[in-house]
C-alpha atoms as a PDB file:
ATOM      1  CA  MET A   1     -29.008 -22.244  24.041  1.00  0.00           C
ATOM      2  CA  ASN A   2     -32.772 -21.906  25.229  1.00  0.00           C
ATOM      3  CA  LYS A   3     -34.385 -19.122  23.731  1.00  0.00           C
ATOM      4  CA  PRO A   4     -38.378 -19.011  24.724  1.00  0.00           C
ATOM      5  CA  SER A   5     -40.665 -16.785  22.584  1.00  0.00           C
ATOM      6  CA  SER A   6     -41.360 -13.411  23.433  1.00  0.00           C
ATOM      7  CA  GLN A   7     -44.691 -13.937  22.279  1.00  0.00           C
ATOM      8  CA  ALA A   8     -45.776 -16.871  25.272  1.00  0.00           C
ATOM      9  CA  ALA A   9     -48.456 -15.893  27.191  1.00  0.00           C
ATOM     10  CA  LEU A  10     -47.764 -16.344  31.154  1.00  0.00           C
ATOM     11  CA  SER A  11     -51.283 -18.577  32.486  1.00  0.00           C
ATOM     12  CA  PRO A  12     -49.457 -21.376  34.381  1.00  0.00           C
ATOM     13  CA  GLN A  13     -50.984 -24.355  36.414  1.00  0.00           C
ATOM     14  CA  ALA A  14     -48.921 -24.214  38.883  1.00  0.00           C
ATOM     15  CA  VAL A  15     -46.552 -21.558  40.250  1.00  0.00           C
ATOM     16  CA  PHE A  16     -43.490 -22.624  42.099  1.00  0.00           C
ATOM     17  CA  PHE A  17     -41.016 -20.589  44.301  1.00  0.00           C
ATOM     18  CA  ASP A  18     -37.166 -21.104  45.134  1.00  0.00           C
ATOM     19  CA  VAL A  19     -37.083 -19.985  49.041  1.00  0.00           C
ATOM     20  CA  ASP A  20     -33.463 -18.444  49.717  1.00  0.00           C
ATOM     21  CA  ASP A  21     -33.487 -15.134  48.405  1.00  0.00           C
ATOM     22  CA  THR A  22     -36.619 -15.573  46.885  1.00  0.00           C
ATOM     23  CA  LEU A  23     -39.322 -15.757  49.426  1.00  0.00           C
ATOM     24  CA  TYR A  24     -36.810 -13.483  51.916  1.00  0.00           C
ATOM     25  CA  ASP A  25     -34.265 -11.689  52.198  1.00  0.00           C
ATOM     26  CA  HIS A  26     -30.786 -14.062  52.529  1.00  0.00           C
ATOM     27  CA  LEU A  27     -28.760 -10.899  52.815  1.00  0.00           C
ATOM     28  CA  VAL A  28     -30.065  -9.982  56.382  1.00  0.00           C
ATOM     29  CA  PRO A  29     -28.620 -12.791  57.658  1.00  0.00           C
ATOM     30  CA  PHE A  30     -25.081 -12.915  56.252  1.00  0.00           C
ATOM     31  CA  GLY A  31     -24.483  -9.984  57.168  1.00  0.00           C
ATOM     32  CA  GLN A  32     -25.562 -10.318  60.893  1.00  0.00           C
ATOM     33  CA  ALA A  33     -23.252 -13.383  60.741  1.00  0.00           C
ATOM     34  CA  LEU A  34     -20.115 -10.729  59.421  1.00  0.00           C
ATOM     35  CA  GLN A  35     -21.002  -7.574  61.797  1.00  0.00           C
ATOM     36  CA  ASN A  36     -21.187 -10.654  64.673  1.00  0.00           C
ATOM     37  CA  VAL A  37     -18.342 -12.756  64.103  1.00  0.00           C
ATOM     38  CA  LEU A  38     -15.910 -10.403  62.024  1.00  0.00           C
ATOM     39  CA  HIS A  39     -17.123  -7.041  63.320  1.00  0.00           C
ATOM     40  CA  THR A  40     -16.980  -5.725  59.477  1.00  0.00           C
ATOM     41  CA  PRO A  41     -18.061  -1.888  59.310  1.00  0.00           C
ATOM     42  CA  GLU A  42     -21.284  -0.208  58.137  1.00  0.00           C
ATOM     43  CA  GLN A  43     -19.579   0.562  54.945  1.00  0.00           C
ATOM     44  CA  PHE A  44     -18.570  -2.977  53.685  1.00  0.00           C
ATOM     45  CA  PRO A  45     -20.212  -3.823  50.820  1.00  0.00           C
ATOM     46  CA  TYR A  46     -22.540  -6.569  51.799  1.00  0.00           C
ATOM     47  CA  GLU A  47     -24.876  -6.891  49.068  1.00  0.00           C
ATOM     48  CA  ALA A  48     -21.348  -7.711  46.297  1.00  0.00           C
ATOM     49  CA  ALA A  49     -19.741  -9.823  49.388  1.00  0.00           C
ATOM     50  CA  TYR A  50     -23.457 -11.648  49.387  1.00  0.00           C
ATOM     51  CA  HIS A  51     -23.407 -12.060  45.751  1.00  0.00           C
ATOM     52  CA  ARG A  52     -20.166 -13.291  45.374  1.00  0.00           C
ATOM     53  CA  MET A  53     -20.547 -15.869  48.335  1.00  0.00           C
ATOM     54  CA  ARG A  54     -23.511 -17.149  46.500  1.00  0.00           C
ATOM     55  CA  TYR A  55     -22.075 -17.701  43.321  1.00  0.00           C
ATOM     56  CA  TYR A  56     -19.286 -20.050  45.333  1.00  0.00           C
ATOM     57  CA  SER A  57     -21.944 -21.709  46.922  1.00  0.00           C
ATOM     58  CA  ASP A  58     -23.589 -22.753  43.572  1.00  0.00           C
ATOM     59  CA  TYR A  59     -20.463 -23.668  42.312  1.00  0.00           C
ATOM     60  CA  LEU A  60     -18.533 -25.630  44.747  1.00  0.00           C
ATOM     61  CA  SER A  61     -21.946 -27.543  45.266  1.00  0.00           C
ATOM     62  CA  ALA A  62     -21.815 -28.356  41.358  1.00  0.00           C
ATOM     63  CA  GLN A  63     -18.293 -29.305  41.994  1.00  0.00           C
ATOM     64  CA  ALA A  64     -19.417 -31.380  44.594  1.00  0.00           C
ATOM     65  CA  GLY A  65     -21.929 -33.527  42.211  1.00  0.00           C
ATOM     66  CA  GLY A  66     -25.114 -31.191  43.998  1.00  0.00           C
ATOM     67  CA  THR A  67     -25.556 -29.842  46.979  1.00  0.00           C
ATOM     68  CA  PRO A  68     -24.039 -31.979  49.956  1.00  0.00           C
ATOM     69  CA  THR A  69     -26.407 -32.490  53.023  1.00  0.00           C
ATOM     70  CA  GLN A  70     -24.130 -33.984  55.119  1.00  0.00           C
ATOM     71  CA  GLY A  71     -21.046 -34.732  56.665  1.00  0.00           C
ATOM     72  CA  THR A  72     -17.101 -33.232  55.505  1.00  0.00           C
ATOM     73  CA  VAL A  73     -18.263 -32.347  51.927  1.00  0.00           C
ATOM     74  CA  LEU A  74     -20.885 -30.271  53.076  1.00  0.00           C
ATOM     75  CA  LEU A  75     -18.694 -28.587  55.846  1.00  0.00           C
ATOM     76  CA  GLU A  76     -15.891 -27.490  53.421  1.00  0.00           C
ATOM     77  CA  MET A  77     -18.432 -26.297  50.849  1.00  0.00           C
ATOM     78  CA  ARG A  78     -19.843 -23.933  53.568  1.00  0.00           C
ATOM     79  CA  ARG A  79     -16.205 -23.000  55.080  1.00  0.00           C
ATOM     80  CA  ASN A  80     -14.659 -22.142  51.510  1.00  0.00           C
ATOM     81  CA  ARG A  81     -17.706 -20.017  50.200  1.00  0.00           C
ATOM     82  CA  PHE A  82     -17.180 -17.931  52.964  1.00  0.00           C
ATOM     83  CA  LYS A  83     -13.406 -17.958  52.504  1.00  0.00           C
ATOM     84  CA  PHE A  84     -13.323 -17.560  48.875  1.00  0.00           C
ATOM     85  CA  SER A  85     -15.853 -14.575  48.722  1.00  0.00           C
ATOM     86  CA  LEU A  86     -14.511 -12.790  51.458  1.00  0.00           C
ATOM     87  CA  GLU A  87     -10.755 -12.994  50.221  1.00  0.00           C
ATOM     88  CA  GLU A  88     -11.933 -11.133  47.266  1.00  0.00           C
ATOM     89  CA  PHE A  89     -13.387  -8.111  49.555  1.00  0.00           C
ATOM     90  CA  GLY A  90      -9.767  -7.982  51.278  1.00  0.00           C
ATOM     91  CA  LEU A  91     -10.817 -10.524  54.480  1.00  0.00           C
ATOM     92  CA  HIS A  92      -8.533 -13.099  55.134  1.00  0.00           C
ATOM     93  CA  VAL A  93     -10.393 -15.367  57.535  1.00  0.00           C
ATOM     94  CA  THR A  94      -8.925 -18.663  59.022  1.00  0.00           C
ATOM     95  CA  ASP A  95     -10.600 -21.873  58.209  1.00  0.00           C
ATOM     96  CA  THR A  96     -12.253 -21.149  62.487  1.00  0.00           C
ATOM     97  CA  GLN A  97     -13.288 -17.848  61.551  1.00  0.00           C
ATOM     98  CA  ALA A  98     -15.103 -19.153  58.497  1.00  0.00           C
ATOM     99  CA  ASP A  99     -16.910 -21.865  60.605  1.00  0.00           C
ATOM    100  CA  LYS A 100     -17.965 -19.131  62.971  1.00  0.00           C
ATOM    101  CA  VAL A 101     -19.356 -17.571  60.473  1.00  0.00           C
ATOM    102  CA  GLN A 102     -21.296 -20.073  58.964  1.00  0.00           C
ATOM    103  CA  GLU A 103     -22.754 -21.157  62.468  1.00  0.00           C
ATOM    104  CA  GLU A 104     -24.038 -17.587  62.925  1.00  0.00           C
ATOM    105  CA  TYR A 105     -25.027 -17.324  59.421  1.00  0.00           C
ATOM    106  CA  LEU A 106     -27.497 -20.434  59.762  1.00  0.00           C
ATOM    107  CA  GLN A 107     -28.871 -19.352  63.563  1.00  0.00           C
ATOM    108  CA  HIS A 108     -29.956 -15.891  61.959  1.00  0.00           C
ATOM    109  CA  GLN A 109     -31.727 -17.790  59.199  1.00  0.00           C
ATOM    110  CA  PHE A 110     -34.508 -19.118  61.208  1.00  0.00           C
ATOM    111  CA  THR A 111     -35.664 -15.349  62.300  1.00  0.00           C
ATOM    112  CA  ILE A 112     -36.271 -14.308  58.953  1.00  0.00           C
ATOM    113  CA  GLN A 113     -39.205 -12.790  57.123  1.00  0.00           C
ATOM    114  CA  LEU A 114     -41.272 -13.281  54.265  1.00  0.00           C
ATOM    115  CA  PHE A 115     -40.522 -10.440  51.545  1.00  0.00           C
ATOM    116  CA  ASP A 116     -43.287  -7.675  51.350  1.00  0.00           C
ATOM    117  CA  GLY A 117     -46.299  -9.454  49.191  1.00  0.00           C
ATOM    118  CA  ALA A 118     -44.886 -12.775  49.103  1.00  0.00           C
ATOM    119  CA  LYS A 119     -47.506 -14.185  51.391  1.00  0.00           C
ATOM    120  CA  GLU A 120     -50.748 -12.475  49.773  1.00  0.00           C
ATOM    121  CA  LEU A 121     -48.937 -12.984  46.327  1.00  0.00           C
ATOM    122  CA  ILE A 122     -49.434 -16.908  47.386  1.00  0.00           C
ATOM    123  CA  GLY A 123     -53.054 -16.824  48.840  1.00  0.00           C
ATOM    124  CA  GLN A 124     -53.946 -14.863  45.631  1.00  0.00           C
ATOM    125  CA  LEU A 125     -52.475 -17.579  43.232  1.00  0.00           C
ATOM    126  CA  GLN A 126     -54.282 -20.685  45.515  1.00  0.00           C
ATOM    127  CA  ASN A 127     -57.799 -18.575  45.114  1.00  0.00           C
ATOM    128  CA  ASP A 128     -57.653 -18.565  41.483  1.00  0.00           C
ATOM    129  CA  GLY A 129     -57.265 -22.657  41.895  1.00  0.00           C
ATOM    130  CA  ILE A 130     -53.333 -22.378  41.029  1.00  0.00           C
ATOM    131  CA  THR A 131     -50.816 -25.325  42.260  1.00  0.00           C
ATOM    132  CA  VAL A 132     -48.628 -23.369  44.395  1.00  0.00           C
ATOM    133  CA  GLY A 133     -45.111 -24.971  45.822  1.00  0.00           C
ATOM    134  CA  LEU A 134     -41.583 -24.821  46.960  1.00  0.00           C
ATOM    135  CA  ILE A 135     -38.375 -26.201  45.149  1.00  0.00           C
ATOM    136  CA  THR A 136     -35.277 -25.551  47.265  1.00  0.00           C
ATOM    137  CA  ASN A 137     -31.709 -26.668  47.536  1.00  0.00           C
ATOM    138  CA  GLY A 138     -30.293 -28.204  50.761  1.00  0.00           C
ATOM    139  CA  PRO A 139     -30.749 -30.508  53.788  1.00  0.00           C
ATOM    140  CA  PRO A 140     -34.170 -31.387  54.434  1.00  0.00           C
ATOM    141  CA  GLN A 141     -34.129 -30.509  57.898  1.00  0.00           C
ATOM    142  CA  HIS A 142     -32.520 -27.276  57.831  1.00  0.00           C
ATOM    143  CA  GLN A 143     -34.743 -26.189  54.749  1.00  0.00           C
ATOM    144  CA  MET A 144     -38.060 -27.221  56.613  1.00  0.00           C
ATOM    145  CA  LYS A 145     -36.483 -24.822  59.434  1.00  0.00           C
ATOM    146  CA  LYS A 146     -36.685 -22.023  57.218  1.00  0.00           C
ATOM    147  CA  ILE A 147     -39.888 -23.050  55.987  1.00  0.00           C
ATOM    148  CA  ALA A 148     -41.255 -23.170  59.106  1.00  0.00           C
ATOM    149  CA  ALA A 149     -40.127 -19.918  60.492  1.00  0.00           C
ATOM    150  CA  LEU A 150     -41.358 -18.150  57.480  1.00  0.00           C
ATOM    151  CA  GLY A 151     -45.261 -19.975  58.267  1.00  0.00           C
ATOM    152  CA  LEU A 152     -45.281 -21.592  54.992  1.00  0.00           C
ATOM    153  CA  LYS A 153     -46.170 -24.863  56.708  1.00  0.00           C
ATOM    154  CA  GLU A 154     -49.465 -23.938  57.088  1.00  0.00           C
ATOM    155  CA  THR A 155     -50.042 -22.302  53.597  1.00  0.00           C
ATOM    156  CA  ILE A 156     -48.401 -25.135  51.526  1.00  0.00           C
ATOM    157  CA  PRO A 157     -48.930 -28.845  51.734  1.00  0.00           C
ATOM    158  CA  ALA A 158     -46.186 -30.750  52.320  1.00  0.00           C
ATOM    159  CA  GLU A 159     -47.023 -32.770  49.173  1.00  0.00           C
ATOM    160  CA  LEU A 160     -45.899 -29.637  46.954  1.00  0.00           C
ATOM    161  CA  ILE A 161     -42.305 -28.787  49.191  1.00  0.00           C
ATOM    162  CA  PHE A 162     -39.594 -30.421  46.835  1.00  0.00           C
ATOM    163  CA  ILE A 163     -36.095 -30.077  48.921  1.00  0.00           C
ATOM    164  CA  SER A 164     -32.988 -31.578  46.576  1.00  0.00           C
ATOM    165  CA  GLY A 165     -31.811 -33.838  49.729  1.00  0.00           C
ATOM    166  CA  ALA A 166     -35.258 -35.282  50.165  1.00  0.00           C
ATOM    167  CA  VAL A 167     -35.349 -36.005  46.107  1.00  0.00           C
ATOM    168  CA  GLY A 168     -31.941 -36.866  45.872  1.00  0.00           C
ATOM    169  CA  ILE A 169     -31.853 -34.632  42.753  1.00  0.00           C
ATOM    170  CA  THR A 170     -30.053 -31.184  42.945  1.00  0.00           C
ATOM    171  CA  LYS A 171     -30.678 -27.674  41.075  1.00  0.00           C
ATOM    172  CA  PRO A 172     -29.932 -27.009  38.026  1.00  0.00           C
ATOM    173  CA  ASP A 173     -30.441 -30.596  37.414  1.00  0.00           C
ATOM    174  CA  ARG A 174     -33.202 -30.478  34.967  1.00  0.00           C
ATOM    175  CA  GLY A 175     -34.033 -33.877  36.755  1.00  0.00           C
ATOM    176  CA  LEU A 176     -35.872 -32.264  39.676  1.00  0.00           C
ATOM    177  CA  PHE A 177     -37.866 -30.282  37.457  1.00  0.00           C
ATOM    178  CA  ASP A 178     -39.008 -33.150  35.749  1.00  0.00           C
ATOM    179  CA  HIS A 179     -39.707 -34.685  38.977  1.00  0.00           C
ATOM    180  CA  VAL A 180     -42.238 -31.835  40.370  1.00  0.00           C
ATOM    181  CA  ALA A 181     -44.085 -32.122  36.680  1.00  0.00           C
ATOM    182  CA  GLY A 182     -44.296 -35.418  36.551  1.00  0.00           C
ATOM    183  CA  LYS A 183     -45.824 -35.776  40.362  1.00  0.00           C
ATOM    184  CA  LEU A 184     -47.811 -33.022  39.519  1.00  0.00           C
ATOM    185  CA  GLY A 185     -49.375 -34.462  35.913  1.00  0.00           C
ATOM    186  CA  LEU A 186     -48.822 -31.704  34.503  1.00  0.00           C
ATOM    187  CA  PRO A 187     -46.394 -30.425  30.974  1.00  0.00           C
ATOM    188  CA  ALA A 188     -43.352 -28.717  31.826  1.00  0.00           C
ATOM    189  CA  GLU A 189     -44.933 -25.513  29.741  1.00  0.00           C
ATOM    190  CA  ALA A 190     -47.721 -25.367  32.622  1.00  0.00           C
ATOM    191  CA  CYS A 191     -45.624 -24.743  35.083  1.00  0.00           C
ATOM    192  CA  CYS A 192     -43.506 -21.541  36.073  1.00  0.00           C
ATOM    193  CA  TYR A 193     -40.585 -21.698  38.315  1.00  0.00           C
ATOM    194  CA  ILE A 194     -39.413 -17.969  40.066  1.00  0.00           C
ATOM    195  CA  GLY A 195     -36.286 -17.762  41.376  1.00  0.00           C
ATOM    196  CA  ASP A 196     -33.131 -15.495  41.955  1.00  0.00           C
ATOM    197  CA  SER A 197     -30.071 -17.857  41.467  1.00  0.00           C
ATOM    198  CA  TRP A 198     -29.054 -17.571  37.742  1.00  0.00           C
ATOM    199  CA  ARG A 199     -27.152 -20.690  37.826  1.00  0.00           C
ATOM    200  CA  ASN A 200     -29.740 -22.961  39.789  1.00  0.00           C
ATOM    201  CA  ASP A 201     -32.843 -21.391  38.938  1.00  0.00           C
ATOM    202  CA  VAL A 202     -32.955 -20.085  35.792  1.00  0.00           C
ATOM    203  CA  ILE A 203     -30.601 -22.288  33.891  1.00  0.00           C
ATOM    204  CA  GLY A 204     -32.324 -25.256  35.887  1.00  0.00           C
ATOM    205  CA  ALA A 205     -35.657 -24.726  34.901  1.00  0.00           C
ATOM    206  CA  LEU A 206     -35.215 -23.400  31.623  1.00  0.00           C
ATOM    207  CA  ASN A 207     -33.484 -26.690  30.553  1.00  0.00           C
ATOM    208  CA  GLY A 208     -36.830 -28.401  32.121  1.00  0.00           C
ATOM    209  CA  GLY A 209     -38.892 -26.719  29.958  1.00  0.00           C
ATOM    210  CA  TRP A 210     -40.706 -24.462  32.590  1.00  0.00           C
ATOM    211  CA  ASN A 211     -41.637 -21.161  32.383  1.00  0.00           C
ATOM    212  CA  VAL A 212     -39.485 -19.317  34.105  1.00  0.00           C
ATOM    213  CA  ILE A 213     -39.247 -15.812  35.687  1.00  0.00           C
ATOM    214  CA  TRP A 214     -36.099 -14.614  37.278  1.00  0.00           C
ATOM    215  CA  PHE A 215     -36.507 -12.710  40.463  1.00  0.00           C
ATOM    216  CA  ASN A 216     -33.621 -10.112  39.975  1.00  0.00           C
ATOM    217  CA  HIS A 217     -33.922  -7.866  42.782  1.00  0.00           C
ATOM    218  CA  ARG A 218     -30.491  -7.252  43.313  1.00  0.00           C
ATOM    219  CA  LYS A 219     -30.234  -6.178  39.768  1.00  0.00           C
ATOM    220  CA  VAL A 220     -27.152  -8.593  38.865  1.00  0.00           C
ATOM    221  CA  ALA A 221     -26.260  -9.110  35.372  1.00  0.00           C
ATOM    222  CA  PRO A 222     -27.035 -12.908  33.492  1.00  0.00           C
ATOM    223  CA  GLU A 223     -24.327 -14.868  33.614  1.00  0.00           C
ATOM    224  CA  SER A 224     -25.164 -16.670  30.506  1.00  0.00           C
ATOM    225  CA  GLU A 225     -27.016 -16.159  27.200  1.00  0.00           C
ATOM    226  CA  HIS A 226     -29.631 -18.231  28.417  1.00  0.00           C
ATOM    227  CA  ARG A 227     -33.332 -16.246  28.143  1.00  0.00           C
ATOM    228  CA  PRO A 228     -35.592 -16.591  31.292  1.00  0.00           C
ATOM    229  CA  HIS A 229     -39.409 -15.633  29.841  1.00  0.00           C
ATOM    230  CA  TYR A 230     -39.417 -12.703  32.314  1.00  0.00           C
ATOM    231  CA  GLU A 231     -37.840 -10.819  34.865  1.00  0.00           C
ATOM    232  CA  ALA A 232     -39.083  -9.174  38.284  1.00  0.00           C
ATOM    233  CA  ALA A 233     -37.302  -7.360  40.634  1.00  0.00           C
ATOM    234  CA  SER A 234     -40.171  -6.800  43.464  1.00  0.00           C
ATOM    235  CA  TYR A 235     -43.739  -8.936  44.711  1.00  0.00           C
ATOM    236  CA  ASP A 236     -45.222  -5.809  43.368  1.00  0.00           C
ATOM    237  CA  GLU A 237     -43.975  -7.007  39.447  1.00  0.00           C
ATOM    238  CA  LEU A 238     -44.615 -10.741  40.328  1.00  0.00           C
ATOM    239  CA  THR A 239     -48.110  -9.895  41.267  1.00  0.00           C
ATOM    240  CA  ALA A 240     -48.520  -7.784  38.035  1.00  0.00           C
ATOM    241  CA  LEU A 241     -47.019 -10.624  35.906  1.00  0.00           C
ATOM    242  CA  LEU A 242     -48.928 -13.772  37.538  1.00  0.00           C
ATOM    243  CA  LEU A 243     -52.328 -12.032  38.407  1.00  0.00           C
ATOM    244  CA  LYS A 244     -52.348  -9.760  35.022  1.00  0.00           C
ATOM    245  CA  ARG A 245     -51.986  -6.706  37.498  1.00  0.00           C
ATOM    246  CA  GLU A 246     -50.831  -2.933  36.985  1.00  0.00           C
ATOM    247  CA  ALA A 247     -47.293  -2.711  39.028  1.00  0.00           C
ATOM    248  CA  THR A 248     -46.610   0.716  40.045  1.00  0.00           C
ATOM    249  CA  ASN A 249     -43.337   0.377  38.597  1.00  0.00           C
ATOM    250  CA  LEU A 250     -42.792  -2.891  36.167  1.00  0.00           C
ATOM    251  CA  HIS A 251     -39.530  -3.373  35.646  1.00  0.00           C
ATOM    252  CA  ASN A 252     -38.186  -3.035  31.959  1.00  0.00           C
ATOM    253  CA  GLY A 253     -41.551  -2.480  30.417  1.00  0.00           C
ATOM    254  CA  GLY A 254     -42.785  -5.761  29.653  1.00  0.00           C
ATOM    255  CA  ASN A 255     -40.442  -7.743  31.710  1.00  0.00           C
ATOM    256  CA  PHE A 256     -39.336  -9.903  28.739  1.00  0.00           C
ATOM    257  CA  LEU A 257     -35.513 -10.201  28.525  1.00  0.00           C
ATOM    258  CA  PRO A 258     -34.941  -8.845  25.295  1.00  0.00           C
END
């Protein structure tokens, strides 16, 4: 079990962000896909269903030995994450329906916007001389389309964008974090990772020895006894942590998880 010290100061030389549901609201394309294909009503529990879809996405990826990037394994993983998650909410979808939901879901992922405050925080960190980059799971071309849609190709140099399908190592494998720290020539303790996924982001980065901020904007419960250094629920709180500025509503008073 990784239990970092609550007294550790957060003064990283490099800050890396996850992409999906960390830099933009991943729930939006999910909800649009369900409404357009399955005609789910407004009162459907979209956020709860989304959380379960992400759980199955991470679980099935781990079962496959890492996020697949092409072929039948990728198709089945994407199909089954929708079938398994929606079944829990009384939606019994066929393979064909699940494939259509997936197709619609992908289309809407390229009309996304950064969370409020994300662009400003990245710019402020860069202005302060901190290296800023991305670490994300998925097929390289697909993830780069999202990064371009978010306007980050012009902001973050290509050499600081690490996509699992290109590197050949998938979160939560600590090897991906070791690889990035090695490329930077920095010790792990000088690096900070921000992500929403407990399994992929929190556990993976902790195992790699990085400082970890769990971006828990969906207010979900931890999935294990691992202890991220900090927890934040908004970019206001992330800014307060990383730039030592006062947040208007700092989560849990000091953000260290007890």
